[in-house]
Structure formats: structure tokens, C-alpha cells
Amino acid sequence: MNFNRRHLLQTTGASALLAAIGQRAFAQASIETATIVTGFAAGGTSDNICRRLAQKLGGDYARTAVVENRTGAGGQIAVTYVKGKPADGTTILQTPTSILTIYPHIYKKLPYDPMVDLTPVSIGCIFDFGFAVGPSVPASVKTVPEFLAWAKANPAGANFGSPAAGSTPHFIGALLGKQGGVELKHAGYRGTQPAMLDLLGGNISAVSGPIGDITQHLPSGKVRILGVSGAKRNRFAPDVPTFGEQGIKDMAHSEWFAFFLPAKASPELVARLNASMKTALAQKDVIDGLGTFGLEAMSSTPAELTELLKKDTAKWGPIVKEVGFTAEG
């Protein structure tokens, strides 16, 4: 199946039926409190979608819904925590898919098996990545190739930060360096916002991260986005050229935030949560709210999310091998 924005925005017959019966069949919520767990810090894109969904799920899927930020280990702590919770619908994982599709290639041993320990529910949104520079990089540097040339001539500034070691933006930065013939030293953070603070403070030269985490800092005048990772220009940063437009080949990468329950969640419970999420993600205030963070709201069936995980896991294997990055498991 070809996963793209248009396809995932369309509702299949089965999911349309679930959405139609969702409010009626599941009106009596038996869950007192549902907790949406994210592995990244408050204030970032991951936290934002969790909080907006929590507002909508409360009173529908559960009587109340709250968000819990369990940061650390590049998102592994959150996944491991949810893996160990009962599959009763009270604990929901929200995670970027890279933690499930890239990490198996870079860690010899993970504390979870993405295809065994979690039950896919729905995609929540899709987003592109931006590559931005801060005040430590001369204003004359306006493109990614110019930054790579500057970094080669200034080894002390040949570095970048990302939300986590082994994440998609980490690999984007590493691949950019390889294409430019310069080794960019990487610094992994607990989310993009801490990296952006170091960028603004001049402690690192660049940040590779979700576009929305970067655009919110543009009003400061200290941050410049040099390129975006999508196959086409991002509607949230329409004046910024893609990597491909700048002559950088094979660098079209987008990512999804998705929602999961612990393994062995019942089909009825999965259908119930999927229907509630589908309804929430179609509401204008959610779409507009996510848009302020550079996120394009969308939903999927559990089967579509499962297929996406398999497809992306296969895609990232050769890329990880090319970059040569491994991590201690």
C-alpha cells in the first residue's frame, strides 16, 4: 500500500463505519482516566498533539484524559513503560514512528519489540523536518550546501543537535554531512526544544528537527531554516527550499506520530479508541492547532499503521548501514 497524505486522509469503509457508530456504541465510557504517554518534553510537537487529543478523548473515550511526559533514552523509556501496563485502555502510547522502525537497526538489544509489545491504533499526524542554523553561523550562510562548506572550513562549528540519538532528524543531519563530505558531530537531546535553546545560545551550530519545533523560534530573528526534508515544500515554511531543490539527492523524509495500546488489547477496545481519535483528528480546532506546530493531522486504521511500520522498518535498514551509526542497547 502506498502511504501518502491523500490516502491517509481518506476514510476507508471500515473506519467510516467505526466513526459512525463510535459515539453511539461507546457512549458509556467505562474508563475513568486515560493517560497518554509521550517520551518527549513538554512544549514540543509530540507533547502538543498529546494534549490536544487528551482534550477530545476526555468525556468520550474516557471520563478524563491526561498527558504524562516520560522522557529519556530517546523515547525508549516511554515505550517500555507502556509495554508493561495492562492492556485495559487506560494507558496510551504516542510516539514518533522512528523509535519503532529505526531503533531495531541501531540497538543490539531493545527493551521492547515494536511488533510484539504494542497494539497499533492510529496515526495522528505527519510532519517534515527542517535543518536550521543559529547565531554562531554567519548570516551569509543561506543554504544547506553553504552550511556544509562553512562547516568543512570551520571544524569547530561542524556540529548539529537533534531530538534524540538514532532519531530520523539525527540521520538526516548525518546524511547531509556525508553528502557534503564533512563529518558533522551530533548532539542528542531529550526533545527538540532543549536543542533549540542551545542553538539560540550559540552552543551548537545547527539543529535538525520537526519543522514546527523550529518555526516557532523564527520570530526571535536568531534562527534560519536552510532546508526542509519533504518531497515538496512544506506548507508551514513555504519559502524554504527542500533538500532536493538544493541538489541533495535521496533526502525526502517525513515522519508520523502514532498511537498505540499495550500488546493484546482487545479488538473492541482498539476500535473504540480508533473511532474516538478519528473523530478528534477531523475537528477543525485540532487541525488548526496542530498546524501551528507544523503538524498535518490525519488518522488511519490499525491495519494501515501496522503496514506502515513494516514498510518503514525495511526502508531504514540500508540507511542506518550507510551512516554506520550504532548505539549501546
C-alpha atoms as a PDB file:
ATOM      1  CA  MET A   1       0.000   0.000   0.000  1.00  0.00           C
ATOM      2  CA  ASN A   2       1.318   3.434  -0.879  1.00  0.00           C
ATOM      3  CA  PHE A   3       1.098   5.613   2.224  1.00  0.00           C
ATOM      4  CA  ASN A   4       0.711   9.286   1.420  1.00  0.00           C
ATOM      5  CA  ARG A   5      -1.179  12.262   2.742  1.00  0.00           C
ATOM      6  CA  ARG A   6      -4.129  11.861   0.403  1.00  0.00           C
ATOM      7  CA  HIS A   7      -4.529   8.168   1.113  1.00  0.00           C
ATOM      8  CA  LEU A   8      -4.409   8.532   4.880  1.00  0.00           C
ATOM      9  CA  LEU A   9      -6.799  11.454   4.886  1.00  0.00           C
ATOM     10  CA  GLN A  10      -9.349   9.283   3.126  1.00  0.00           C
ATOM     11  CA  THR A  11     -11.564   7.148   5.301  1.00  0.00           C
ATOM     12  CA  THR A  12     -11.976   3.525   4.365  1.00  0.00           C
ATOM     13  CA  GLY A  13     -15.373   1.882   4.568  1.00  0.00           C
ATOM     14  CA  ALA A  14     -14.473   0.026   7.729  1.00  0.00           C
ATOM     15  CA  SER A  15     -13.135   3.067   9.552  1.00  0.00           C
ATOM     16  CA  ALA A  16     -16.073   5.161   8.393  1.00  0.00           C
ATOM     17  CA  LEU A  17     -18.381   2.621   9.963  1.00  0.00           C
ATOM     18  CA  LEU A  18     -16.397   2.741  13.195  1.00  0.00           C
ATOM     19  CA  ALA A  19     -16.574   6.515  13.260  1.00  0.00           C
ATOM     20  CA  ALA A  20     -20.305   6.422  12.611  1.00  0.00           C
ATOM     21  CA  ILE A  21     -21.045   4.004  15.395  1.00  0.00           C
ATOM     22  CA  GLY A  22     -18.339   5.277  17.749  1.00  0.00           C
ATOM     23  CA  GLN A  23     -20.360   7.834  19.660  1.00  0.00           C
ATOM     24  CA  ARG A  24     -23.434   5.617  19.783  1.00  0.00           C
ATOM     25  CA  ALA A  25     -21.895   2.239  20.603  1.00  0.00           C
ATOM     26  CA  PHE A  26     -19.286   3.514  23.046  1.00  0.00           C
ATOM     27  CA  ALA A  27     -21.185   6.388  24.633  1.00  0.00           C
ATOM     28  CA  GLN A  28     -20.871   4.928  28.122  1.00  0.00           C
ATOM     29  CA  ALA A  29     -17.142   5.277  28.817  1.00  0.00           C
ATOM     30  CA  SER A  30     -16.030   2.684  31.345  1.00  0.00           C
ATOM     31  CA  ILE A  31     -12.510   4.124  31.607  1.00  0.00           C
ATOM     32  CA  GLU A  32     -12.158   6.626  34.411  1.00  0.00           C
ATOM     33  CA  THR A  33      -8.792   8.167  33.427  1.00  0.00           C
ATOM     34  CA  ALA A  34      -6.766   7.546  30.282  1.00  0.00           C
ATOM     35  CA  THR A  35      -3.122   8.566  30.270  1.00  0.00           C
ATOM     36  CA  ILE A  36      -1.386   9.452  27.007  1.00  0.00           C
ATOM     37  CA  VAL A  37       2.339   8.853  27.433  1.00  0.00           C
ATOM     38  CA  THR A  38       4.975  10.637  25.329  1.00  0.00           C
ATOM     39  CA  GLY A  39       8.714  10.174  25.540  1.00  0.00           C
ATOM     40  CA  PHE A  40       9.496  13.833  24.905  1.00  0.00           C
ATOM     41  CA  ALA A  41       9.446  17.025  26.914  1.00  0.00           C
ATOM     42  CA  ALA A  42       6.539  19.407  27.369  1.00  0.00           C
ATOM     43  CA  GLY A  43       6.312  22.220  24.845  1.00  0.00           C
ATOM     44  CA  GLY A  44       7.383  20.266  21.762  1.00  0.00           C
ATOM     45  CA  THR A  45       5.436  18.806  18.873  1.00  0.00           C
ATOM     46  CA  SER A  46       4.958  15.384  20.455  1.00  0.00           C
ATOM     47  CA  ASP A  47       3.592  16.911  23.646  1.00  0.00           C
ATOM     48  CA  ASN A  48       1.340  19.246  21.660  1.00  0.00           C
ATOM     49  CA  ILE A  49      -0.568  16.542  19.804  1.00  0.00           C
ATOM     50  CA  CYS A  50      -0.933  14.547  23.023  1.00  0.00           C
ATOM     51  CA  ARG A  51      -2.531  17.463  24.854  1.00  0.00           C
ATOM     52  CA  ARG A  52      -4.897  18.308  22.022  1.00  0.00           C
ATOM     53  CA  LEU A  53      -6.035  14.698  21.744  1.00  0.00           C
ATOM     54  CA  ALA A  54      -6.401  14.427  25.518  1.00  0.00           C
ATOM     55  CA  GLN A  55      -8.872  17.314  25.446  1.00  0.00           C
ATOM     56  CA  LYS A  56     -11.001  15.464  22.912  1.00  0.00           C
ATOM     57  CA  LEU A  57     -10.768  11.951  24.349  1.00  0.00           C
ATOM     58  CA  GLY A  58     -11.851  13.099  27.794  1.00  0.00           C
ATOM     59  CA  GLY A  59     -15.590  12.559  28.085  1.00  0.00           C
ATOM     60  CA  ASP A  60     -15.712  10.328  25.013  1.00  0.00           C
ATOM     61  CA  TYR A  61     -13.199   7.502  25.189  1.00  0.00           C
ATOM     62  CA  ALA A  62     -12.640   8.070  28.919  1.00  0.00           C
ATOM     63  CA  ARG A  63     -14.153  10.335  31.537  1.00  0.00           C
ATOM     64  CA  THR A  64     -10.857  12.254  31.694  1.00  0.00           C
ATOM     65  CA  ALA A  65      -7.614  12.063  29.728  1.00  0.00           C
ATOM     66  CA  VAL A  66      -4.214  13.341  30.857  1.00  0.00           C
ATOM     67  CA  VAL A  67      -0.696  13.529  29.397  1.00  0.00           C
ATOM     68  CA  GLU A  68       2.421  12.116  31.005  1.00  0.00           C
ATOM     69  CA  ASN A  69       5.931  13.038  29.763  1.00  0.00           C
ATOM     70  CA  ARG A  70       8.326  10.152  30.399  1.00  0.00           C
ATOM     71  CA  THR A  71      11.494  11.438  28.773  1.00  0.00           C
ATOM     72  CA  GLY A  72      14.829   9.771  28.300  1.00  0.00           C
ATOM     73  CA  ALA A  73      16.699   7.211  26.205  1.00  0.00           C
ATOM     74  CA  GLY A  74      15.456   8.843  23.019  1.00  0.00           C
ATOM     75  CA  GLY A  75      11.858   7.818  23.713  1.00  0.00           C
ATOM     76  CA  GLN A  76      12.593   4.254  24.819  1.00  0.00           C
ATOM     77  CA  ILE A  77      11.548   4.899  28.400  1.00  0.00           C
ATOM     78  CA  ALA A  78       8.012   5.813  27.340  1.00  0.00           C
ATOM     79  CA  VAL A  79       7.650   2.776  25.081  1.00  0.00           C
ATOM     80  CA  THR A  80       8.985   0.444  27.769  1.00  0.00           C
ATOM     81  CA  TYR A  81       6.667   1.962  30.360  1.00  0.00           C
ATOM     82  CA  VAL A  82       3.567   1.483  28.216  1.00  0.00           C
ATOM     83  CA  LYS A  83       4.663  -2.033  27.270  1.00  0.00           C
ATOM     84  CA  GLY A  84       4.454  -3.002  30.949  1.00  0.00           C
ATOM     85  CA  LYS A  85       0.988  -1.560  31.582  1.00  0.00           C
ATOM     86  CA  PRO A  86      -2.267  -3.553  31.465  1.00  0.00           C
ATOM     87  CA  ALA A  87      -3.948  -3.678  28.068  1.00  0.00           C
ATOM     88  CA  ASP A  88      -7.141  -2.206  29.509  1.00  0.00           C
ATOM     89  CA  GLY A  89      -7.109   1.037  27.545  1.00  0.00           C
ATOM     90  CA  THR A  90      -6.039   3.258  30.439  1.00  0.00           C
ATOM     91  CA  THR A  91      -2.504   3.809  29.083  1.00  0.00           C
ATOM     92  CA  ILE A  92      -1.904   5.028  25.523  1.00  0.00           C
ATOM     93  CA  LEU A  93       1.500   5.487  23.896  1.00  0.00           C
ATOM     94  CA  GLN A  94       2.127   8.342  21.484  1.00  0.00           C
ATOM     95  CA  THR A  95       5.459   8.142  19.694  1.00  0.00           C
ATOM     96  CA  PRO A  96       7.245   9.137  16.515  1.00  0.00           C
ATOM     97  CA  THR A  97       7.447   6.034  14.366  1.00  0.00           C
ATOM     98  CA  SER A  98      11.259   6.195  14.135  1.00  0.00           C
ATOM     99  CA  ILE A  99      11.522   4.853  17.674  1.00  0.00           C
ATOM    100  CA  LEU A 100       9.846   1.701  16.400  1.00  0.00           C
ATOM    101  CA  THR A 101      11.295   1.498  12.882  1.00  0.00           C
ATOM    102  CA  ILE A 102      14.881   2.817  13.195  1.00  0.00           C
ATOM    103  CA  TYR A 103      15.872   1.736  16.703  1.00  0.00           C
ATOM    104  CA  PRO A 104      15.737  -2.008  15.871  1.00  0.00           C
ATOM    105  CA  HIS A 105      18.559  -1.332  13.395  1.00  0.00           C
ATOM    106  CA  ILE A 106      20.831   0.616  15.758  1.00  0.00           C
ATOM    107  CA  TYR A 107      20.414  -1.142  19.106  1.00  0.00           C
ATOM    108  CA  LYS A 108      21.664  -4.681  19.574  1.00  0.00           C
ATOM    109  CA  LYS A 109      19.050  -5.159  22.248  1.00  0.00           C
ATOM    110  CA  LEU A 110      15.927  -3.072  22.823  1.00  0.00           C
ATOM    111  CA  PRO A 111      13.751  -3.349  25.939  1.00  0.00           C
ATOM    112  CA  TYR A 112      10.744  -3.813  23.646  1.00  0.00           C
ATOM    113  CA  ASP A 113       9.750  -5.459  20.374  1.00  0.00           C
ATOM    114  CA  PRO A 114       7.710  -2.946  18.328  1.00  0.00           C
ATOM    115  CA  MET A 115       5.749  -5.637  16.504  1.00  0.00           C
ATOM    116  CA  VAL A 116       5.048  -7.741  19.598  1.00  0.00           C
ATOM    117  CA  ASP A 117       4.727  -5.451  22.627  1.00  0.00           C
ATOM    118  CA  LEU A 118       2.358  -2.825  21.197  1.00  0.00           C
ATOM    119  CA  THR A 119      -1.053  -2.743  19.549  1.00  0.00           C
ATOM    120  CA  PRO A 120      -1.303  -0.172  16.716  1.00  0.00           C
ATOM    121  CA  VAL A 121      -4.328   2.134  16.928  1.00  0.00           C
ATOM    122  CA  SER A 122      -3.946   5.098  14.556  1.00  0.00           C
ATOM    123  CA  ILE A 123      -1.597   7.587  13.002  1.00  0.00           C
ATOM    124  CA  GLY A 124      -2.098  11.051  14.491  1.00  0.00           C
ATOM    125  CA  CYS A 125      -0.236  13.351  12.106  1.00  0.00           C
ATOM    126  CA  ILE A 126       2.548  13.618   9.579  1.00  0.00           C
ATOM    127  CA  PHE A 127       5.365  16.170   9.584  1.00  0.00           C
ATOM    128  CA  ASP A 128       8.568  17.141   7.797  1.00  0.00           C
ATOM    129  CA  PHE A 129      11.923  18.065   9.285  1.00  0.00           C
ATOM    130  CA  GLY A 130      13.866  21.289   8.997  1.00  0.00           C
ATOM    131  CA  PHE A 131      17.583  21.953   9.178  1.00  0.00           C
ATOM    132  CA  ALA A 132      18.216  25.260  10.913  1.00  0.00           C
ATOM    133  CA  VAL A 133      21.224  27.299  11.973  1.00  0.00           C
ATOM    134  CA  GLY A 134      21.649  29.811  14.777  1.00  0.00           C
ATOM    135  CA  PRO A 135      23.708  32.865  15.711  1.00  0.00           C
ATOM    136  CA  SER A 136      27.051  31.037  15.667  1.00  0.00           C
ATOM    137  CA  VAL A 137      26.755  30.598  11.878  1.00  0.00           C
ATOM    138  CA  PRO A 138      27.457  33.670   9.692  1.00  0.00           C
ATOM    139  CA  ALA A 139      24.411  35.360   8.138  1.00  0.00           C
ATOM    140  CA  SER A 140      25.999  34.835   4.728  1.00  0.00           C
ATOM    141  CA  VAL A 141      25.218  31.106   5.023  1.00  0.00           C
ATOM    142  CA  LYS A 142      21.780  30.798   3.446  1.00  0.00           C
ATOM    143  CA  THR A 143      21.596  27.244   2.044  1.00  0.00           C
ATOM    144  CA  VAL A 144      22.436  23.731   3.216  1.00  0.00           C
ATOM    145  CA  PRO A 145      25.369  23.379   0.759  1.00  0.00           C
ATOM    146  CA  GLU A 146      26.730  26.700   2.027  1.00  0.00           C
ATOM    147  CA  PHE A 147      26.475  25.466   5.611  1.00  0.00           C
ATOM    148  CA  LEU A 148      28.296  22.235   4.739  1.00  0.00           C
ATOM    149  CA  ALA A 149      31.063  24.246   3.041  1.00  0.00           C
ATOM    150  CA  TRP A 150      31.301  26.537   6.078  1.00  0.00           C
ATOM    151  CA  ALA A 151      31.401  23.538   8.440  1.00  0.00           C
ATOM    152  CA  LYS A 152      34.225  21.988   6.409  1.00  0.00           C
ATOM    153  CA  ALA A 153      36.200  25.222   6.663  1.00  0.00           C
ATOM    154  CA  ASN A 154      35.348  25.665  10.360  1.00  0.00           C
ATOM    155  CA  PRO A 155      35.684  22.237  12.058  1.00  0.00           C
ATOM    156  CA  ALA A 156      34.906  23.663  15.489  1.00  0.00           C
ATOM    157  CA  GLY A 157      31.428  24.577  14.251  1.00  0.00           C
ATOM    158  CA  ALA A 158      30.787  21.345  12.342  1.00  0.00           C
ATOM    159  CA  ASN A 159      28.026  20.097  14.613  1.00  0.00           C
ATOM    160  CA  PHE A 160      24.262  19.812  14.973  1.00  0.00           C
ATOM    161  CA  GLY A 161      21.684  18.785  17.542  1.00  0.00           C
ATOM    162  CA  SER A 162      18.602  16.584  17.220  1.00  0.00           C
ATOM    163  CA  PRO A 163      15.751  15.405  19.480  1.00  0.00           C
ATOM    164  CA  ALA A 164      17.493  12.079  20.143  1.00  0.00           C
ATOM    165  CA  ALA A 165      20.386   9.903  19.036  1.00  0.00           C
ATOM    166  CA  GLY A 166      19.133   7.451  16.445  1.00  0.00           C
ATOM    167  CA  SER A 167      16.084   9.532  15.525  1.00  0.00           C
ATOM    168  CA  THR A 168      15.107  10.460  11.973  1.00  0.00           C
ATOM    169  CA  PRO A 169      16.487  14.026  12.284  1.00  0.00           C
ATOM    170  CA  HIS A 170      19.760  12.593  13.613  1.00  0.00           C
ATOM    171  CA  PHE A 171      20.121  10.514  10.451  1.00  0.00           C
ATOM    172  CA  ILE A 172      19.099  13.448   8.269  1.00  0.00           C
ATOM    173  CA  GLY A 173      21.931  15.542   9.702  1.00  0.00           C
ATOM    174  CA  ALA A 174      24.406  12.682   9.343  1.00  0.00           C
ATOM    175  CA  LEU A 175      23.366  12.065   5.731  1.00  0.00           C
ATOM    176  CA  LEU A 176      23.714  15.767   4.919  1.00  0.00           C
ATOM    177  CA  GLY A 177      27.248  15.686   6.275  1.00  0.00           C
ATOM    178  CA  LYS A 178      28.128  12.614   4.219  1.00  0.00           C
ATOM    179  CA  GLN A 179      26.818  14.230   1.054  1.00  0.00           C
ATOM    180  CA  GLY A 180      28.828  17.378   1.810  1.00  0.00           C
ATOM    181  CA  GLY A 181      31.996  15.467   2.617  1.00  0.00           C
ATOM    182  CA  VAL A 182      32.180  16.735   6.187  1.00  0.00           C
ATOM    183  CA  GLU A 183      31.675  14.935   9.494  1.00  0.00           C
ATOM    184  CA  LEU A 184      29.047  16.801  11.478  1.00  0.00           C
ATOM    185  CA  LYS A 185      29.374  15.996  15.163  1.00  0.00           C
ATOM    186  CA  HIS A 186      25.981  15.088  16.626  1.00  0.00           C
ATOM    187  CA  ALA A 187      24.485  16.038  19.981  1.00  0.00           C
ATOM    188  CA  GLY A 188      21.335  14.190  21.040  1.00  0.00           C
ATOM    189  CA  TYR A 189      18.842  15.914  23.342  1.00  0.00           C
ATOM    190  CA  ARG A 190      15.671  14.987  25.197  1.00  0.00           C
ATOM    191  CA  GLY A 191      13.457  16.548  22.551  1.00  0.00           C
ATOM    192  CA  THR A 192      13.969  19.357  20.046  1.00  0.00           C
ATOM    193  CA  GLN A 193      13.246  22.254  22.406  1.00  0.00           C
ATOM    194  CA  PRO A 194      16.373  21.738  24.560  1.00  0.00           C
ATOM    195  CA  ALA A 195      18.391  21.588  21.331  1.00  0.00           C
ATOM    196  CA  MET A 196      16.804  24.824  20.122  1.00  0.00           C
ATOM    197  CA  LEU A 197      17.737  26.547  23.376  1.00  0.00           C
ATOM    198  CA  ASP A 198      21.369  25.536  22.864  1.00  0.00           C
ATOM    199  CA  LEU A 199      21.129  26.733  19.253  1.00  0.00           C
ATOM    200  CA  LEU A 200      19.803  30.119  20.352  1.00  0.00           C
ATOM    201  CA  GLY A 201      22.567  30.341  22.934  1.00  0.00           C
ATOM    202  CA  GLY A 202      25.242  29.691  20.316  1.00  0.00           C
ATOM    203  CA  ASN A 203      26.328  26.413  21.910  1.00  0.00           C
ATOM    204  CA  ILE A 204      25.664  24.410  18.729  1.00  0.00           C
ATOM    205  CA  SER A 205      25.674  25.497  15.104  1.00  0.00           C
ATOM    206  CA  ALA A 206      22.581  23.755  13.750  1.00  0.00           C
ATOM    207  CA  VAL A 207      19.521  21.721  14.656  1.00  0.00           C
ATOM    208  CA  SER A 208      17.770  19.014  12.663  1.00  0.00           C
ATOM    209  CA  GLY A 209      14.237  18.589  13.979  1.00  0.00           C
ATOM    210  CA  PRO A 210      10.498  18.693  13.270  1.00  0.00           C
ATOM    211  CA  ILE A 211       9.647  21.787  11.253  1.00  0.00           C
ATOM    212  CA  GLY A 212       7.150  23.030  13.846  1.00  0.00           C
ATOM    213  CA  ASP A 213       9.716  22.907  16.632  1.00  0.00           C
ATOM    214  CA  ILE A 214      11.861  25.265  14.581  1.00  0.00           C
ATOM    215  CA  THR A 215       9.334  27.695  13.072  1.00  0.00           C
ATOM    216  CA  GLN A 216       8.091  28.791  16.496  1.00  0.00           C
ATOM    217  CA  HIS A 217      11.552  30.274  17.134  1.00  0.00           C
ATOM    218  CA  LEU A 218      11.765  32.249  13.893  1.00  0.00           C
ATOM    219  CA  PRO A 219      10.312  35.461  15.434  1.00  0.00           C
ATOM    220  CA  SER A 220      13.460  35.752  17.566  1.00  0.00           C
ATOM    221  CA  GLY A 221      15.421  36.551  14.404  1.00  0.00           C
ATOM    222  CA  LYS A 222      18.244  34.291  15.602  1.00  0.00           C
ATOM    223  CA  VAL A 223      17.197  31.148  13.739  1.00  0.00           C
ATOM    224  CA  ARG A 224      17.268  30.492   9.982  1.00  0.00           C
ATOM    225  CA  ILE A 225      15.845  27.376   8.311  1.00  0.00           C
ATOM    226  CA  LEU A 226      18.111  26.362   5.455  1.00  0.00           C
ATOM    227  CA  GLY A 227      16.147  23.396   4.109  1.00  0.00           C
ATOM    228  CA  VAL A 228      13.229  21.025   4.649  1.00  0.00           C
ATOM    229  CA  SER A 229      13.119  17.251   4.286  1.00  0.00           C
ATOM    230  CA  GLY A 230       9.854  16.709   2.423  1.00  0.00           C
ATOM    231  CA  ALA A 231       9.442  15.635  -1.180  1.00  0.00           C
ATOM    232  CA  LYS A 232       7.923  19.076  -1.777  1.00  0.00           C
ATOM    233  CA  ARG A 233       7.977  22.396   0.067  1.00  0.00           C
ATOM    234  CA  ASN A 234       6.338  22.389   3.458  1.00  0.00           C
ATOM    235  CA  ARG A 235       3.186  24.485   3.693  1.00  0.00           C
ATOM    236  CA  PHE A 236       4.275  25.726   7.112  1.00  0.00           C
ATOM    237  CA  ALA A 237       7.552  27.087   5.680  1.00  0.00           C
ATOM    238  CA  PRO A 238       6.733  27.682   2.010  1.00  0.00           C
ATOM    239  CA  ASP A 239       9.740  29.928   1.336  1.00  0.00           C
ATOM    240  CA  VAL A 240      12.263  27.303   2.405  1.00  0.00           C
ATOM    241  CA  PRO A 241      13.551  25.037  -0.402  1.00  0.00           C
ATOM    242  CA  THR A 242      13.645  21.271   0.023  1.00  0.00           C
ATOM    243  CA  PHE A 243      16.928  19.418   0.224  1.00  0.00           C
ATOM    244  CA  GLY A 244      16.198  18.078  -3.251  1.00  0.00           C
ATOM    245  CA  GLU A 245      15.824  21.590  -4.651  1.00  0.00           C
ATOM    246  CA  GLN A 246      19.305  22.314  -3.317  1.00  0.00           C
ATOM    247  CA  GLY A 247      20.831  19.404  -5.210  1.00  0.00           C
ATOM    248  CA  ILE A 248      20.920  16.999  -2.257  1.00  0.00           C
ATOM    249  CA  LYS A 249      19.764  13.619  -3.551  1.00  0.00           C
ATOM    250  CA  ASP A 250      17.633  10.929  -1.886  1.00  0.00           C
ATOM    251  CA  MET A 251      16.785  13.060   1.124  1.00  0.00           C
ATOM    252  CA  ALA A 252      12.976  13.117   1.140  1.00  0.00           C
ATOM    253  CA  HIS A 253      11.979  12.027   4.645  1.00  0.00           C
ATOM    254  CA  SER A 254       8.759  12.647   6.567  1.00  0.00           C
ATOM    255  CA  GLU A 255       7.564  11.047   9.782  1.00  0.00           C
ATOM    256  CA  TRP A 256       4.410  10.193  11.655  1.00  0.00           C
ATOM    257  CA  PHE A 257       3.321  10.470  15.260  1.00  0.00           C
ATOM    258  CA  ALA A 258       1.174   7.455  16.044  1.00  0.00           C
ATOM    259  CA  PHE A 259      -0.820   5.995  18.913  1.00  0.00           C
ATOM    260  CA  PHE A 260      -0.599   2.522  20.418  1.00  0.00           C
ATOM    261  CA  LEU A 261      -2.032   0.452  23.237  1.00  0.00           C
ATOM    262  CA  PRO A 262      -0.110  -2.276  25.071  1.00  0.00           C
ATOM    263  CA  ALA A 263       0.015  -5.694  23.442  1.00  0.00           C
ATOM    264  CA  LYS A 264      -3.069  -7.909  23.499  1.00  0.00           C
ATOM    265  CA  ALA A 265      -5.541  -5.034  23.724  1.00  0.00           C
ATOM    266  CA  SER A 266      -8.913  -6.356  22.613  1.00  0.00           C
ATOM    267  CA  PRO A 267     -10.152  -5.599  19.079  1.00  0.00           C
ATOM    268  CA  GLU A 268     -13.184  -3.891  20.610  1.00  0.00           C
ATOM    269  CA  LEU A 269     -11.018  -1.571  22.698  1.00  0.00           C
ATOM    270  CA  VAL A 270      -8.784  -0.767  19.723  1.00  0.00           C
ATOM    271  CA  ALA A 271     -11.839   0.014  17.584  1.00  0.00           C
ATOM    272  CA  ARG A 272     -13.239   2.223  20.309  1.00  0.00           C
ATOM    273  CA  LEU A 273     -10.056   4.289  20.671  1.00  0.00           C
ATOM    274  CA  ASN A 274      -9.551   4.431  16.904  1.00  0.00           C
ATOM    275  CA  ALA A 275     -13.055   5.806  16.392  1.00  0.00           C
ATOM    276  CA  SER A 276     -12.578   8.473  19.061  1.00  0.00           C
ATOM    277  CA  MET A 277      -9.240   9.520  17.620  1.00  0.00           C
ATOM    278  CA  LYS A 278     -10.569   9.634  14.076  1.00  0.00           C
ATOM    279  CA  THR A 279     -13.357  11.939  15.196  1.00  0.00           C
ATOM    280  CA  ALA A 280     -10.970  14.167  17.169  1.00  0.00           C
ATOM    281  CA  LEU A 281      -8.405  14.447  14.377  1.00  0.00           C
ATOM    282  CA  ALA A 282     -11.065  15.574  11.911  1.00  0.00           C
ATOM    283  CA  GLN A 283     -12.153  18.562  14.021  1.00  0.00           C
ATOM    284  CA  LYS A 284     -11.141  21.980  12.757  1.00  0.00           C
ATOM    285  CA  ASP A 285      -9.716  23.258  16.023  1.00  0.00           C
ATOM    286  CA  VAL A 286      -7.452  20.199  16.266  1.00  0.00           C
ATOM    287  CA  ILE A 287      -6.347  20.533  12.637  1.00  0.00           C
ATOM    288  CA  ASP A 288      -5.634  24.253  13.083  1.00  0.00           C
ATOM    289  CA  GLY A 289      -3.966  23.748  16.452  1.00  0.00           C
ATOM    290  CA  LEU A 290      -1.627  21.069  15.160  1.00  0.00           C
ATOM    291  CA  GLY A 291      -0.898  23.268  12.165  1.00  0.00           C
ATOM    292  CA  THR A 292       0.605  25.918  14.426  1.00  0.00           C
ATOM    293  CA  PHE A 293       3.261  23.316  15.269  1.00  0.00           C
ATOM    294  CA  GLY A 294       3.826  22.259  11.673  1.00  0.00           C
ATOM    295  CA  LEU A 295       1.825  19.060  12.069  1.00  0.00           C
ATOM    296  CA  GLU A 296      -0.665  17.847   9.458  1.00  0.00           C
ATOM    297  CA  ALA A 297      -3.469  16.000  11.246  1.00  0.00           C
ATOM    298  CA  MET A 298      -4.580  12.658   9.856  1.00  0.00           C
ATOM    299  CA  SER A 299      -5.752   9.260  11.020  1.00  0.00           C
ATOM    300  CA  SER A 300      -5.539   5.671   9.828  1.00  0.00           C
ATOM    301  CA  THR A 301      -6.890   2.234  10.527  1.00  0.00           C
ATOM    302  CA  PRO A 302      -4.861  -0.044  12.834  1.00  0.00           C
ATOM    303  CA  ALA A 303      -4.056  -2.233   9.811  1.00  0.00           C
ATOM    304  CA  GLU A 304      -2.683   0.741   7.859  1.00  0.00           C
ATOM    305  CA  LEU A 305      -0.463   1.730  10.772  1.00  0.00           C
ATOM    306  CA  THR A 306       0.819  -1.850  11.056  1.00  0.00           C
ATOM    307  CA  GLU A 307       1.727  -1.902   7.370  1.00  0.00           C
ATOM    308  CA  LEU A 308       3.425   1.486   7.637  1.00  0.00           C
ATOM    309  CA  LEU A 309       5.635   0.219  10.471  1.00  0.00           C
ATOM    310  CA  LYS A 310       6.711  -2.793   8.407  1.00  0.00           C
ATOM    311  CA  LYS A 311       7.419  -0.637   5.351  1.00  0.00           C
ATOM    312  CA  ASP A 312       9.461   1.973   7.224  1.00  0.00           C
ATOM    313  CA  THR A 313      11.413  -0.649   9.183  1.00  0.00           C
ATOM    314  CA  ALA A 314      12.551  -2.140   5.876  1.00  0.00           C
ATOM    315  CA  LYS A 315      13.361   1.324   4.450  1.00  0.00           C
ATOM    316  CA  TRP A 316      15.642   2.415   7.271  1.00  0.00           C
ATOM    317  CA  GLY A 317      17.834  -0.691   7.415  1.00  0.00           C
ATOM    318  CA  PRO A 318      20.050   0.271   4.434  1.00  0.00           C
ATOM    319  CA  ILE A 319      20.158   3.929   5.529  1.00  0.00           C
ATOM    320  CA  VAL A 320      21.419   3.030   9.004  1.00  0.00           C
ATOM    321  CA  LYS A 321      24.063   0.801   7.430  1.00  0.00           C
ATOM    322  CA  GLU A 322      25.188   3.631   5.142  1.00  0.00           C
ATOM    323  CA  VAL A 323      25.577   6.088   8.009  1.00  0.00           C
ATOM    324  CA  GLY A 324      27.244   3.484  10.184  1.00  0.00           C
ATOM    325  CA  PHE A 325      25.664   4.610  13.448  1.00  0.00           C
ATOM    326  CA  THR A 326      25.110   2.101  16.237  1.00  0.00           C
ATOM    327  CA  ALA A 327      24.132   2.578  19.864  1.00  0.00           C
ATOM    328  CA  GLU A 328      24.511   0.655  23.043  1.00  0.00           C
ATOM    329  CA  GLY A 329      21.327  -1.344  23.689  1.00  0.00           C
END
